[in-house]
Structure formats: C-alpha cells, structure tokens
PDB file of N, CA and C in Angstrom:
ATOM      1  N   MET A   1      40.189  61.348  -8.489  1.00  0.00           N
ATOM      2  CA  MET A   1      40.720  62.067  -7.420  1.00  0.00           C
ATOM      3  C   MET A   1      41.274  63.535  -7.880  1.00  0.00           C
ATOM      4  N   ASP A   2      41.708  63.679  -9.223  1.00  0.00           N
ATOM      5  CA  ASP A   2      42.098  64.982  -9.723  1.00  0.00           C
ATOM      6  C   ASP A   2      40.931  65.847  -9.766  1.00  0.00           C
ATOM      7  N   ALA A   3      39.698  65.392 -10.121  1.00  0.00           N
ATOM      8  CA  ALA A   3      38.611  66.143 -10.278  1.00  0.00           C
ATOM      9  C   ALA A   3      38.171  66.600  -9.011  1.00  0.00           C
ATOM     10  N   LEU A   4      38.287  65.808  -7.961  1.00  0.00           N
ATOM     11  CA  LEU A   4      37.911  66.244  -6.482  1.00  0.00           C
ATOM     12  C   LEU A   4      38.692  67.334  -5.910  1.00  0.00           C
ATOM     13  N   VAL A   5      40.112  67.234  -6.147  1.00  0.00           N
ATOM     14  CA  VAL A   5      40.977  68.249  -5.931  1.00  0.00           C
ATOM     15  C   VAL A   5      40.779  69.512  -6.606  1.00  0.00           C
ATOM     16  N   ALA A   6      40.482  69.541  -7.913  1.00  0.00           N
ATOM     17  CA  ALA A   6      40.296  70.766  -8.650  1.00  0.00           C
ATOM     18  C   ALA A   6      38.821  71.413  -8.237  1.00  0.00           C
ATOM     19  N   THR A   7      37.999  70.499  -7.864  1.00  0.00           N
ATOM     20  CA  THR A   7      36.619  71.048  -7.362  1.00  0.00           C
ATOM     21  C   THR A   7      36.749  71.826  -5.895  1.00  0.00           C
ATOM     22  N   THR A   8      37.510  71.192  -5.101  1.00  0.00           N
ATOM     23  CA  THR A   8      37.722  71.720  -3.754  1.00  0.00           C
ATOM     24  C   THR A   8      38.563  72.865  -3.931  1.00  0.00           C
ATOM     25  N   ARG A   9      39.555  72.943  -4.677  1.00  0.00           N
ATOM     26  CA  ARG A   9      40.317  74.223  -4.891  1.00  0.00           C
ATOM     27  C   ARG A   9      39.431  75.413  -5.551  1.00  0.00           C
ATOM     28  N   ALA A  10      38.552  75.114  -6.479  1.00  0.00           N
ATOM     29  CA  ALA A  10      37.674  76.171  -7.047  1.00  0.00           C
ATOM     30  C   ALA A  10      36.769  76.529  -5.816  1.00  0.00           C
ATOM     31  N   ALA A  11      36.223  75.650  -5.228  1.00  0.00           N
ATOM     32  CA  ALA A  11      35.464  76.086  -4.077  1.00  0.00           C
ATOM     33  C   ALA A  11      36.168  77.039  -3.063  1.00  0.00           C
ATOM     34  N   GLY A  12      37.348  76.760  -2.614  1.00  0.00           N
ATOM     35  CA  GLY A  12      38.028  77.561  -1.897  1.00  0.00           C
ATOM     36  C   GLY A  12      38.498  78.864  -2.391  1.00  0.00           C
ATOM     37  N   ARG A  13      38.501  78.889  -3.748  1.00  0.00           N
ATOM     38  CA  ARG A  13      38.678  80.341  -4.459  1.00  0.00           C
ATOM     39  C   ARG A  13      37.551  81.063  -4.696  1.00  0.00           C
ATOM     40  N   GLY A  14      36.405  80.418  -4.202  1.00  0.00           N
ATOM     41  CA  GLY A  14      34.868  81.082  -4.395  1.00  0.00           C
ATOM     42  C   GLY A  14      34.360  80.866  -5.900  1.00  0.00           C
ATOM     43  N   GLU A  15      35.061  80.037  -6.604  1.00  0.00           N
ATOM     44  CA  GLU A  15      34.677  79.721  -8.016  1.00  0.00           C
ATOM     45  C   GLU A  15      33.778  78.646  -8.289  1.00  0.00           C
ATOM     46  N   ALA A  16      33.269  78.038  -7.148  1.00  0.00           N
ATOM     47  CA  ALA A  16      32.420  76.913  -7.298  1.00  0.00           C
ATOM     48  C   ALA A  16      31.844  76.929  -5.981  1.00  0.00           C
ATOM     49  N   GLY A  17      30.497  76.177  -5.910  1.00  0.00           N
ATOM     50  CA  GLY A  17      29.630  76.149  -4.799  1.00  0.00           C
ATOM     51  C   GLY A  17      28.259  76.549  -5.142  1.00  0.00           C
ATOM     52  N   ARG A  18      27.766  77.124  -3.975  1.00  0.00           N
ATOM     53  CA  ARG A  18      26.371  77.578  -3.986  1.00  0.00           C
ATOM     54  C   ARG A  18      26.308  78.862  -3.219  1.00  0.00           C
ATOM     55  N   ILE A  19      25.396  79.785  -3.639  1.00  0.00           N
ATOM     56  CA  ILE A  19      25.094  80.992  -2.959  1.00  0.00           C
ATOM     57  C   ILE A  19      23.487  81.272  -3.011  1.00  0.00           C
ATOM     58  N   ALA A  20      22.878  81.491  -1.785  1.00  0.00           N
ATOM     59  CA  ALA A  20      21.633  81.821  -1.873  1.00  0.00           C
ATOM     60  C   ALA A  20      21.309  83.264  -1.397  1.00  0.00           C
ATOM     61  N   ILE A  21      20.552  83.974  -2.200  1.00  0.00           N
ATOM     62  CA  ILE A  21      20.348  85.340  -2.055  1.00  0.00           C
ATOM     63  C   ILE A  21      18.839  85.544  -1.972  1.00  0.00           C
ATOM     64  N   GLY A  22      18.469  86.330  -1.057  1.00  0.00           N
ATOM     65  CA  GLY A  22      16.969  86.594  -0.811  1.00  0.00           C
ATOM     66  C   GLY A  22      16.672  88.206  -1.287  1.00  0.00           C
ATOM     67  N   PHE A  23      15.537  88.471  -1.789  1.00  0.00           N
ATOM     68  CA  PHE A  23      15.095  89.687  -2.232  1.00  0.00           C
ATOM     69  C   PHE A  23      13.799  90.147  -1.851  1.00  0.00           C
ATOM     70  N   CYS A  24      13.722  91.394  -1.549  1.00  0.00           N
ATOM     71  CA  CYS A  24      12.428  92.129  -1.087  1.00  0.00           C
ATOM     72  C   CYS A  24      11.907  92.831  -2.434  1.00  0.00           C
ATOM     73  N   THR A  25      12.384  92.748  -3.613  1.00  0.00           N
ATOM     74  CA  THR A  25      12.070  93.364  -4.640  1.00  0.00           C
ATOM     75  C   THR A  25      11.959  92.505  -5.845  1.00  0.00           C
ATOM     76  N   SER A  26      11.406  92.895  -6.748  1.00  0.00           N
ATOM     77  CA  SER A  26      11.154  92.144  -8.031  1.00  0.00           C
ATOM     78  C   SER A  26      12.494  91.917  -8.909  1.00  0.00           C
ATOM     79  N   LEU A  27      12.727  90.688  -9.400  1.00  0.00           N
ATOM     80  CA  LEU A  27      13.829  90.441 -10.237  1.00  0.00           C
ATOM     81  C   LEU A  27      13.555  90.696 -11.625  1.00  0.00           C
ATOM     82  N   THR A  28      12.387  91.116 -11.915  1.00  0.00           N
ATOM     83  CA  THR A  28      12.110  91.055 -13.430  1.00  0.00           C
ATOM     84  C   THR A  28      12.737  92.256 -14.256  1.00  0.00           C
ATOM     85  N   ALA A  29      13.171  93.132 -13.615  1.00  0.00           N
ATOM     86  CA  ALA A  29      13.628  94.383 -14.363  1.00  0.00           C
ATOM     87  C   ALA A  29      14.789  94.944 -13.753  1.00  0.00           C
ATOM     88  N   GLY A  30      15.448  95.925 -14.403  1.00  0.00           N
ATOM     89  CA  GLY A  30      16.561  96.817 -13.843  1.00  0.00           C
ATOM     90  C   GLY A  30      17.883  96.041 -13.696  1.00  0.00           C
ATOM     91  N   ILE A  31      18.834  96.684 -13.051  1.00  0.00           N
ATOM     92  CA  ILE A  31      20.304  96.449 -12.980  1.00  0.00           C
ATOM     93  C   ILE A  31      20.280  95.021 -12.237  1.00  0.00           C
ATOM     94  N   LEU A  32      19.474  94.733 -11.243  1.00  0.00           N
ATOM     95  CA  LEU A  32      19.539  93.525 -10.352  1.00  0.00           C
ATOM     96  C   LEU A  32      19.429  92.306 -11.386  1.00  0.00           C
ATOM     97  N   ARG A  33      18.575  92.275 -12.164  1.00  0.00           N
ATOM     98  CA  ARG A  33      18.368  91.024 -13.084  1.00  0.00           C
ATOM     99  C   ARG A  33      19.622  90.895 -13.863  1.00  0.00           C
ATOM    100  N   ALA A  34      20.167  92.058 -14.564  1.00  0.00           N
ATOM    101  CA  ALA A  34      21.310  92.146 -15.355  1.00  0.00           C
ATOM    102  C   ALA A  34      22.437  91.606 -14.697  1.00  0.00           C
ATOM    103  N   THR A  35      22.727  92.005 -13.304  1.00  0.00           N
ATOM    104  CA  THR A  35      23.702  91.678 -12.626  1.00  0.00           C
ATOM    105  C   THR A  35      23.843  90.230 -12.310  1.00  0.00           C
ATOM    106  N   LEU A  36      22.619  89.620 -11.953  1.00  0.00           N
ATOM    107  CA  LEU A  36      22.738  88.105 -11.651  1.00  0.00           C
ATOM    108  C   LEU A  36      22.797  87.247 -12.936  1.00  0.00           C
ATOM    109  N   LEU A  37      22.483  87.692 -14.270  1.00  0.00           N
ATOM    110  CA  LEU A  37      22.658  87.070 -15.215  1.00  0.00           C
ATOM    111  C   LEU A  37      24.073  87.131 -15.661  1.00  0.00           C
ATOM    112  N   GLU A  38      24.739  88.302 -15.432  1.00  0.00           N
ATOM    113  CA  GLU A  38      26.149  88.453 -15.693  1.00  0.00           C
ATOM    114  C   GLU A  38      27.095  87.432 -14.729  1.00  0.00           C
ATOM    115  N   PHE A  39      26.649  87.500 -13.424  1.00  0.00           N
ATOM    116  CA  PHE A  39      27.188  86.604 -12.394  1.00  0.00           C
ATOM    117  C   PHE A  39      27.242  85.237 -12.954  1.00  0.00           C
ATOM    118  N   LYS A  40      25.964  84.534 -13.384  1.00  0.00           N
ATOM    119  CA  LYS A  40      25.682  83.259 -13.937  1.00  0.00           C
ATOM    120  C   LYS A  40      26.722  83.008 -14.926  1.00  0.00           C
ATOM    121  N   GLN A  41      26.968  83.911 -15.970  1.00  0.00           N
ATOM    122  CA  GLN A  41      27.830  83.729 -17.099  1.00  0.00           C
ATOM    123  C   GLN A  41      29.278  83.675 -16.651  1.00  0.00           C
ATOM    124  N   ARG A  42      29.643  84.527 -15.607  1.00  0.00           N
ATOM    125  CA  ARG A  42      31.027  84.548 -15.286  1.00  0.00           C
ATOM    126  C   ARG A  42      31.412  83.478 -14.490  1.00  0.00           C
ATOM    127  N   TYR A  43      30.554  82.947 -13.525  1.00  0.00           N
ATOM    128  CA  TYR A  43      30.741  81.952 -12.628  1.00  0.00           C
ATOM    129  C   TYR A  43      29.776  80.653 -12.763  1.00  0.00           C
ATOM    130  N   PRO A  44      29.754  79.947 -13.868  1.00  0.00           N
ATOM    131  CA  PRO A  44      28.770  78.881 -14.126  1.00  0.00           C
ATOM    132  C   PRO A  44      29.047  77.803 -13.260  1.00  0.00           C
ATOM    133  N   GLN A  45      30.026  77.643 -12.410  1.00  0.00           N
ATOM    134  CA  GLN A  45      30.196  76.534 -11.498  1.00  0.00           C
ATOM    135  C   GLN A  45      29.483  76.796 -10.022  1.00  0.00           C
ATOM    136  N   ILE A  46      29.047  78.009  -9.890  1.00  0.00           N
ATOM    137  CA  ILE A  46      28.356  78.422  -8.544  1.00  0.00           C
ATOM    138  C   ILE A  46      26.851  78.374  -8.849  1.00  0.00           C
ATOM    139  N   ALA A  47      26.045  77.413  -8.243  1.00  0.00           N
ATOM    140  CA  ALA A  47      24.778  77.462  -8.274  1.00  0.00           C
ATOM    141  C   ALA A  47      24.259  78.641  -7.430  1.00  0.00           C
ATOM    142  N   LEU A  48      23.305  79.438  -8.152  1.00  0.00           N
ATOM    143  CA  LEU A  48      22.717  80.523  -7.654  1.00  0.00           C
ATOM    144  C   LEU A  48      21.285  80.317  -7.343  1.00  0.00           C
ATOM    145  N   ALA A  49      20.849  80.330  -6.028  1.00  0.00           N
ATOM    146  CA  ALA A  49      19.444  80.252  -5.641  1.00  0.00           C
ATOM    147  C   ALA A  49      18.948  81.699  -5.134  1.00  0.00           C
ATOM    148  N   THR A  50      17.790  81.907  -5.729  1.00  0.00           N
ATOM    149  CA  THR A  50      17.230  83.203  -5.427  1.00  0.00           C
ATOM    150  C   THR A  50      15.808  83.017  -4.636  1.00  0.00           C
ATOM    151  N   VAL A  51      15.516  83.692  -3.670  1.00  0.00           N
ATOM    152  CA  VAL A  51      14.248  83.616  -3.024  1.00  0.00           C
ATOM    153  C   VAL A  51      13.704  85.028  -2.725  1.00  0.00           C
ATOM    154  N   GLU A  52      12.436  85.229  -3.093  1.00  0.00           N
ATOM    155  CA  GLU A  52      11.708  86.485  -2.971  1.00  0.00           C
ATOM    156  C   GLU A  52      10.692  86.127  -1.892  1.00  0.00           C
ATOM    157  N   ARG A  53      10.685  86.974  -0.722  1.00  0.00           N
ATOM    158  CA  ARG A  53      10.086  86.817   0.452  1.00  0.00           C
ATOM    159  C   ARG A  53       9.845  88.315   1.058  1.00  0.00           C
ATOM    160  N   SER A  54       8.968  88.344   2.156  1.00  0.00           N
ATOM    161  CA  SER A  54       8.822  89.429   2.982  1.00  0.00           C
ATOM    162  C   SER A  54      10.189  89.716   3.687  1.00  0.00           C
ATOM    163  N   TRP A  55      10.390  91.012   4.089  1.00  0.00           N
ATOM    164  CA  TRP A  55      11.506  91.256   4.860  1.00  0.00           C
ATOM    165  C   TRP A  55      11.752  90.477   6.099  1.00  0.00           C
ATOM    166  N   SER A  56      10.766  90.149   6.939  1.00  0.00           N
ATOM    167  CA  SER A  56      10.799  89.566   8.221  1.00  0.00           C
ATOM    168  C   SER A  56      11.169  87.911   7.791  1.00  0.00           C
ATOM    169  N   ARG A  57      10.729  87.411   6.904  1.00  0.00           N
ATOM    170  CA  ARG A  57      10.998  86.044   6.736  1.00  0.00           C
ATOM    171  C   ARG A  57      12.604  85.823   6.095  1.00  0.00           C
ATOM    172  N   LEU A  58      12.923  87.020   5.231  1.00  0.00           N
ATOM    173  CA  LEU A  58      14.383  86.877   4.681  1.00  0.00           C
ATOM    174  C   LEU A  58      15.201  87.132   5.904  1.00  0.00           C
ATOM    175  N   ALA A  59      14.766  88.061   6.733  1.00  0.00           N
ATOM    176  CA  ALA A  59      15.911  88.252   8.013  1.00  0.00           C
ATOM    177  C   ALA A  59      15.994  87.061   8.645  1.00  0.00           C
ATOM    178  N   THR A  60      14.961  86.406   9.030  1.00  0.00           N
ATOM    179  CA  THR A  60      14.985  85.145   9.701  1.00  0.00           C
ATOM    180  C   THR A  60      15.997  84.106   8.974  1.00  0.00           C
ATOM    181  N   ALA A  61      15.487  83.896   7.727  1.00  0.00           N
ATOM    182  CA  ALA A  61      16.299  82.959   6.946  1.00  0.00           C
ATOM    183  C   ALA A  61      18.043  83.312   6.924  1.00  0.00           C
ATOM    184  N   LEU A  62      18.309  84.647   6.933  1.00  0.00           N
ATOM    185  CA  LEU A  62      19.682  85.008   6.815  1.00  0.00           C
ATOM    186  C   LEU A  62      20.237  84.590   8.221  1.00  0.00           C
ATOM    187  N   GLN A  63      19.516  85.098   9.399  1.00  0.00           N
ATOM    188  CA  GLN A  63      20.139  84.632  10.672  1.00  0.00           C
ATOM    189  C   GLN A  63      20.229  83.205  10.986  1.00  0.00           C
ATOM    190  N   ASN A  64      19.353  82.470  10.252  1.00  0.00           N
ATOM    191  CA  ASN A  64      19.533  81.040  10.499  1.00  0.00           C
ATOM    192  C   ASN A  64      20.327  80.335   9.508  1.00  0.00           C
ATOM    193  N   SER A  65      21.100  81.234   8.560  1.00  0.00           N
ATOM    194  CA  SER A  65      22.087  80.688   7.661  1.00  0.00           C
ATOM    195  C   SER A  65      21.446  79.973   6.654  1.00  0.00           C
ATOM    196  N   ALA A  66      20.216  80.056   6.376  1.00  0.00           N
ATOM    197  CA  ALA A  66      19.405  79.608   5.171  1.00  0.00           C
ATOM    198  C   ALA A  66      19.755  80.351   3.865  1.00  0.00           C
ATOM    199  N   LEU A  67      20.103  81.677   4.100  1.00  0.00           N
ATOM    200  CA  LEU A  67      20.413  82.586   3.102  1.00  0.00           C
ATOM    201  C   LEU A  67      21.888  83.196   3.314  1.00  0.00           C
ATOM    202  N   ASP A  68      22.504  83.355   2.167  1.00  0.00           N
ATOM    203  CA  ASP A  68      24.007  83.914   2.456  1.00  0.00           C
ATOM    204  C   ASP A  68      23.912  85.348   2.380  1.00  0.00           C
ATOM    205  N   ALA A  69      23.094  86.049   1.589  1.00  0.00           N
ATOM    206  CA  ALA A  69      22.930  87.412   1.642  1.00  0.00           C
ATOM    207  C   ALA A  69      21.368  87.851   1.235  1.00  0.00           C
ATOM    208  N   LEU A  70      21.243  89.258   1.428  1.00  0.00           N
ATOM    209  CA  LEU A  70      19.818  89.833   1.096  1.00  0.00           C
ATOM    210  C   LEU A  70      20.140  90.909   0.256  1.00  0.00           C
ATOM    211  N   VAL A  71      19.455  91.304  -0.649  1.00  0.00           N
ATOM    212  CA  VAL A  71      19.264  92.392  -1.420  1.00  0.00           C
ATOM    213  C   VAL A  71      17.911  93.068  -1.223  1.00  0.00           C
ATOM    214  N   VAL A  72      17.797  94.233  -0.511  1.00  0.00           N
ATOM    215  CA  VAL A  72      16.500  94.829  -0.070  1.00  0.00           C
ATOM    216  C   VAL A  72      16.730  96.470  -0.554  1.00  0.00           C
ATOM    217  N   THR A  73      15.559  97.079  -0.622  1.00  0.00           N
ATOM    218  CA  THR A  73      15.525  98.421  -0.906  1.00  0.00           C
ATOM    219  C   THR A  73      15.054  99.142   0.257  1.00  0.00           C
ATOM    220  N   GLY A  74      15.585 100.401   0.375  1.00  0.00           N
ATOM    221  CA  GLY A  74      15.007 101.376   1.564  1.00  0.00           C
ATOM    222  C   GLY A  74      15.744 101.114   2.878  1.00  0.00           C
ATOM    223  N   ASP A  75      15.327 101.800   3.928  1.00  0.00           N
ATOM    224  CA  ASP A  75      15.913 101.550   5.072  1.00  0.00           C
ATOM    225  C   ASP A  75      15.240 100.500   5.696  1.00  0.00           C
ATOM    226  N   ARG A  76      16.023  99.470   6.301  1.00  0.00           N
ATOM    227  CA  ARG A  76      15.482  98.282   7.086  1.00  0.00           C
ATOM    228  C   ARG A  76      16.055  98.382   8.378  1.00  0.00           C
ATOM    229  N   PRO A  77      15.226  97.656   9.288  1.00  0.00           N
ATOM    230  CA  PRO A  77      15.846  97.499  10.759  1.00  0.00           C
ATOM    231  C   PRO A  77      17.200  96.823  10.545  1.00  0.00           C
ATOM    232  N   SER A  78      18.074  97.225  11.535  1.00  0.00           N
ATOM    233  CA  SER A  78      19.419  96.613  11.509  1.00  0.00           C
ATOM    234  C   SER A  78      19.347  95.371  12.025  1.00  0.00           C
ATOM    235  N   LEU A  79      20.168  94.417  11.357  1.00  0.00           N
ATOM    236  CA  LEU A  79      20.410  93.164  11.960  1.00  0.00           C
ATOM    237  C   LEU A  79      21.821  93.100  12.392  1.00  0.00           C
ATOM    238  N   VAL A  80      22.198  92.061  12.997  1.00  0.00           N
ATOM    239  CA  VAL A  80      23.666  91.886  13.318  1.00  0.00           C
ATOM    240  C   VAL A  80      24.395  91.463  12.162  1.00  0.00           C
ATOM    241  N   CYS A  81      24.705  92.263  11.317  1.00  0.00           N
ATOM    242  CA  CYS A  81      25.217  91.926  10.018  1.00  0.00           C
ATOM    243  C   CYS A  81      25.891  93.084   9.239  1.00  0.00           C
ATOM    244  N   LYS A  82      26.678  92.941   8.309  1.00  0.00           N
ATOM    245  CA  LYS A  82      27.255  94.140   7.474  1.00  0.00           C
ATOM    246  C   LYS A  82      26.387  94.457   6.432  1.00  0.00           C
ATOM    247  N   MET A  83      26.026  95.818   6.426  1.00  0.00           N
ATOM    248  CA  MET A  83      25.121  96.236   5.183  1.00  0.00           C
ATOM    249  C   MET A  83      25.659  97.227   4.553  1.00  0.00           C
ATOM    250  N   MET A  84      25.374  97.264   3.249  1.00  0.00           N
ATOM    251  CA  MET A  84      26.479  98.306   2.316  1.00  0.00           C
ATOM    252  C   MET A  84      25.400  98.551   1.027  1.00  0.00           C
ATOM    253  N   PRO A  85      25.540  99.876   0.476  1.00  0.00           N
ATOM    254  CA  PRO A  85      24.859 100.071  -0.629  1.00  0.00           C
ATOM    255  C   PRO A  85      25.366  99.385  -1.903  1.00  0.00           C
ATOM    256  N   LEU A  86      24.599  98.926  -2.834  1.00  0.00           N
ATOM    257  CA  LEU A  86      25.129  98.278  -4.125  1.00  0.00           C
ATOM    258  C   LEU A  86      25.056  99.375  -5.161  1.00  0.00           C
ATOM    259  N   TRP A  87      23.974  99.958  -5.418  1.00  0.00           N
ATOM    260  CA  TRP A  87      23.775 101.058  -6.474  1.00  0.00           C
ATOM    261  C   TRP A  87      22.477 101.819  -6.090  1.00  0.00           C
ATOM    262  N   SER A  88      22.178 102.869  -6.873  1.00  0.00           N
ATOM    263  CA  SER A  88      21.001 103.567  -6.632  1.00  0.00           C
ATOM    264  C   SER A  88      20.392 103.633  -8.020  1.00  0.00           C
ATOM    265  N   GLU A  89      19.183 103.279  -8.136  1.00  0.00           N
ATOM    266  CA  GLU A  89      18.437 103.373  -9.467  1.00  0.00           C
ATOM    267  C   GLU A  89      17.310 104.504  -9.384  1.00  0.00           C
ATOM    268  N   ARG A  90      17.098 105.001 -10.589  1.00  0.00           N
ATOM    269  CA  ARG A  90      15.988 105.867 -10.834  1.00  0.00           C
ATOM    270  C   ARG A  90      14.722 105.061 -11.038  1.00  0.00           C
ATOM    271  N   ILE A  91      13.803 105.461 -10.242  1.00  0.00           N
ATOM    272  CA  ILE A  91      12.635 104.729 -10.246  1.00  0.00           C
ATOM    273  C   ILE A  91      11.388 106.017 -10.379  1.00  0.00           C
ATOM    274  N   PHE A  92      10.592 105.738 -11.375  1.00  0.00           N
ATOM    275  CA  PHE A  92       9.477 106.517 -11.570  1.00  0.00           C
ATOM    276  C   PHE A  92       8.165 106.358 -10.760  1.00  0.00           C
ATOM    277  N   VAL A  93       7.605 107.449 -10.277  1.00  0.00           N
ATOM    278  CA  VAL A  93       6.238 107.285  -9.701  1.00  0.00           C
ATOM    279  C   VAL A  93       5.341 108.368 -10.658  1.00  0.00           C
ATOM    280  N   ILE A  94       4.203 107.685 -11.017  1.00  0.00           N
ATOM    281  CA  ILE A  94       3.362 108.402 -11.890  1.00  0.00           C
ATOM    282  C   ILE A  94       2.023 108.745 -10.969  1.00  0.00           C
ATOM    283  N   LEU A  95       1.923 109.994 -10.835  1.00  0.00           N
ATOM    284  CA  LEU A  95       0.732 110.534  -9.989  1.00  0.00           C
ATOM    285  C   LEU A  95      -0.378 111.259 -10.593  1.00  0.00           C
ATOM    286  N   PRO A  96      -1.472 111.339 -10.209  1.00  0.00           N
ATOM    287  CA  PRO A  96      -2.618 112.248 -10.762  1.00  0.00           C
ATOM    288  C   PRO A  96      -2.086 113.838 -10.742  1.00  0.00           C
ATOM    289  N   GLN A  97      -2.518 114.513 -11.520  1.00  0.00           N
ATOM    290  CA  GLN A  97      -2.198 115.815 -11.575  1.00  0.00           C
ATOM    291  C   GLN A  97      -2.451 116.590 -10.305  1.00  0.00           C
ATOM    292  N   ASP A  98      -3.488 116.239  -9.490  1.00  0.00           N
ATOM    293  CA  ASP A  98      -3.937 116.994  -8.430  1.00  0.00           C
ATOM    294  C   ASP A  98      -3.301 116.269  -7.066  1.00  0.00           C
ATOM    295  N   HIS A  99      -2.426 115.434  -7.263  1.00  0.00           N
ATOM    296  CA  HIS A  99      -1.677 114.673  -6.079  1.00  0.00           C
ATOM    297  C   HIS A  99      -0.751 115.871  -5.509  1.00  0.00           C
ATOM    298  N   PRO A 100      -0.536 115.989  -4.128  1.00  0.00           N
ATOM    299  CA  PRO A 100       0.096 116.957  -3.538  1.00  0.00           C
ATOM    300  C   PRO A 100       1.706 116.910  -4.055  1.00  0.00           C
ATOM    301  N   LEU A 101       2.209 115.687  -4.434  1.00  0.00           N
ATOM    302  CA  LEU A 101       3.598 115.618  -5.049  1.00  0.00           C
ATOM    303  C   LEU A 101       3.825 115.674  -6.375  1.00  0.00           C
ATOM    304  N   ALA A 102       2.639 116.008  -7.073  1.00  0.00           N
ATOM    305  CA  ALA A 102       2.733 116.050  -8.630  1.00  0.00           C
ATOM    306  C   ALA A 102       3.437 117.274  -9.159  1.00  0.00           C
ATOM    307  N   SER A 103       3.491 118.218  -8.346  1.00  0.00           N
ATOM    308  CA  SER A 103       4.126 119.537  -8.944  1.00  0.00           C
ATOM    309  C   SER A 103       5.746 119.429  -8.726  1.00  0.00           C
ATOM    310  N   ARG A 104       6.070 118.295  -7.908  1.00  0.00           N
ATOM    311  CA  ARG A 104       7.533 118.413  -7.778  1.00  0.00           C
ATOM    312  C   ARG A 104       8.333 117.704  -8.875  1.00  0.00           C
ATOM    313  N   ASP A 105       9.667 118.042  -9.071  1.00  0.00           N
ATOM    314  CA  ASP A 105      10.543 117.436 -10.000  1.00  0.00           C
ATOM    315  C   ASP A 105      11.025 116.020  -9.596  1.00  0.00           C
ATOM    316  N   ALA A 106      11.189 115.807  -8.223  1.00  0.00           N
ATOM    317  CA  ALA A 106      11.692 114.688  -7.815  1.00  0.00           C
ATOM    318  C   ALA A 106      10.843 114.278  -6.456  1.00  0.00           C
ATOM    319  N   ALA A 107      10.863 112.866  -6.196  1.00  0.00           N
ATOM    320  CA  ALA A 107      10.290 112.501  -4.817  1.00  0.00           C
ATOM    321  C   ALA A 107      11.229 111.573  -4.323  1.00  0.00           C
ATOM    322  N   TYR A 108      11.206 111.447  -2.923  1.00  0.00           N
ATOM    323  CA  TYR A 108      12.210 110.338  -2.273  1.00  0.00           C
ATOM    324  C   TYR A 108      11.180 109.447  -1.567  1.00  0.00           C
ATOM    325  N   TRP A 109      11.865 108.335  -1.261  1.00  0.00           N
ATOM    326  CA  TRP A 109      11.091 107.348  -0.716  1.00  0.00           C
ATOM    327  C   TRP A 109      10.365 107.693   0.510  1.00  0.00           C
ATOM    328  N   THR A 110      11.076 108.679   1.248  1.00  0.00           N
ATOM    329  CA  THR A 110      10.580 109.212   2.556  1.00  0.00           C
ATOM    330  C   THR A 110       9.212 109.967   2.277  1.00  0.00           C
ATOM    331  N   ASP A 111       9.191 110.624   1.035  1.00  0.00           N
ATOM    332  CA  ASP A 111       8.045 111.376   0.721  1.00  0.00           C
ATOM    333  C   ASP A 111       6.855 110.432   0.497  1.00  0.00           C
ATOM    334  N   LEU A 112       7.041 109.284  -0.018  1.00  0.00           N
ATOM    335  CA  LEU A 112       5.904 108.333  -0.344  1.00  0.00           C
ATOM    336  C   LEU A 112       5.692 107.611   0.786  1.00  0.00           C
ATOM    337  N   ARG A 113       6.266 107.638   1.862  1.00  0.00           N
ATOM    338  CA  ARG A 113       6.093 106.748   3.059  1.00  0.00           C
ATOM    339  C   ARG A 113       4.670 106.550   3.399  1.00  0.00           C
ATOM    340  N   ASP A 114       3.968 107.742   3.612  1.00  0.00           N
ATOM    341  CA  ASP A 114       2.647 107.769   4.172  1.00  0.00           C
ATOM    342  C   ASP A 114       1.605 108.101   3.073  1.00  0.00           C
ATOM    343  N   GLN A 115       1.928 107.908   1.859  1.00  0.00           N
ATOM    344  CA  GLN A 115       0.956 108.247   0.779  1.00  0.00           C
ATOM    345  C   GLN A 115       0.241 106.955   0.380  1.00  0.00           C
ATOM    346  N   THR A 116      -1.048 107.122  -0.062  1.00  0.00           N
ATOM    347  CA  THR A 116      -1.759 106.163  -0.682  1.00  0.00           C
ATOM    348  C   THR A 116      -1.569 106.238  -2.225  1.00  0.00           C
ATOM    349  N   LEU A 117      -0.959 105.087  -2.811  1.00  0.00           N
ATOM    350  CA  LEU A 117      -0.790 105.315  -4.206  1.00  0.00           C
ATOM    351  C   LEU A 117      -1.575 104.173  -4.905  1.00  0.00           C
TER     352      LEU A 117
END
C-alpha cells in the first residue's frame, strides 16, 4: 500500500507516468536528442514514448489524445492547441556555387520553400 501511495503521489507531481511525443524531424542529432536523453536521466520513472510520422498523422494523433505533445519544425497549420517555440538551431544548407542562393551569407526556411535541392 505504501508503494501504491508513493507512486500515485509521484504521478500527481509529474514525476512518474508516461508521456508520448511526436516528431516531424530526426532525433539522431542536435539539441532535441540531447534534451530527451537529459529528460530520461532526470525523470527515470517517466516512460517516454517517441513517434516519428508525417505532420498530418501526428496532428490526428494529438487530437485523438494518442500523443501528449508534438515537436515540429517550421510553420505548421494551426491546431486547437497551445504552440510555443522551444529553441532555434543553426542548420546548414550546402548549395552548388551556381545556385541563386549560394552568394548569400544566410538563408531562411522561406527562401528554401520553393527550391529543389
């Protein structure tokens, strides 16, 4: 009974349980992977489930409560939910010398939207 009470209290404080997070980006590199690894070290009692799918499938899963949160890149159609930026990362794009954007020092996602790379 003591163990059940302790587990229930931990869950109530958000220190135990399960969280399911969906991604539209790779988890293999960058700050996202490091953040998830640190989360697992800090909160070992929380089972962390990760799902990588297309935006539309993730949005449906979030709306159906199959996922607790989404981590996505770029501008996405708005859902009836709270959205907030987590961080910004520098990402490099390497282009041929004759590409129209190659002479620039920086490019934005909007610059790449209609480009074939």
